[in-house]
Amino acid sequence: MSQISMHAPIGDLTISAEDNIIVSLDWGWAQEQNTNTLLQDAKSQLDDYFDGLRKNFDLPLEPPGTKFQQRVWSMMEQIPYGKTITYGEIAKALG
């Protein structure tokens, strides 16, 4: 697994990838940094997002999770930039 950590306005973040696909974005700083081009691009896109220069991401994502988690994440991807939706609204929409 490859990882890169970064400082962000919301705290330290670690991006992880396997087989050139992003599998996680976690709070905290990874002890071991093993980066690649994809992770450098992901860090750059996150930096742009936090600087207000980016609203959409162009990265291959495949986070592991249950079918329900996958449904929640799929719905979260549809939330427009700047819009706030509660957990309750997501749960209601998913049934």
Foldseek 3Di string as FASTA:
>chain_A
DAKDWDQAPVAIWIWDDDPQATADIDHDDDPDHGDDPLNVQVVVQVVCVRVVNDFDDDGHYDHDDDPVVVLLVVVVNPDGPPDDDDPVRSVVVVD
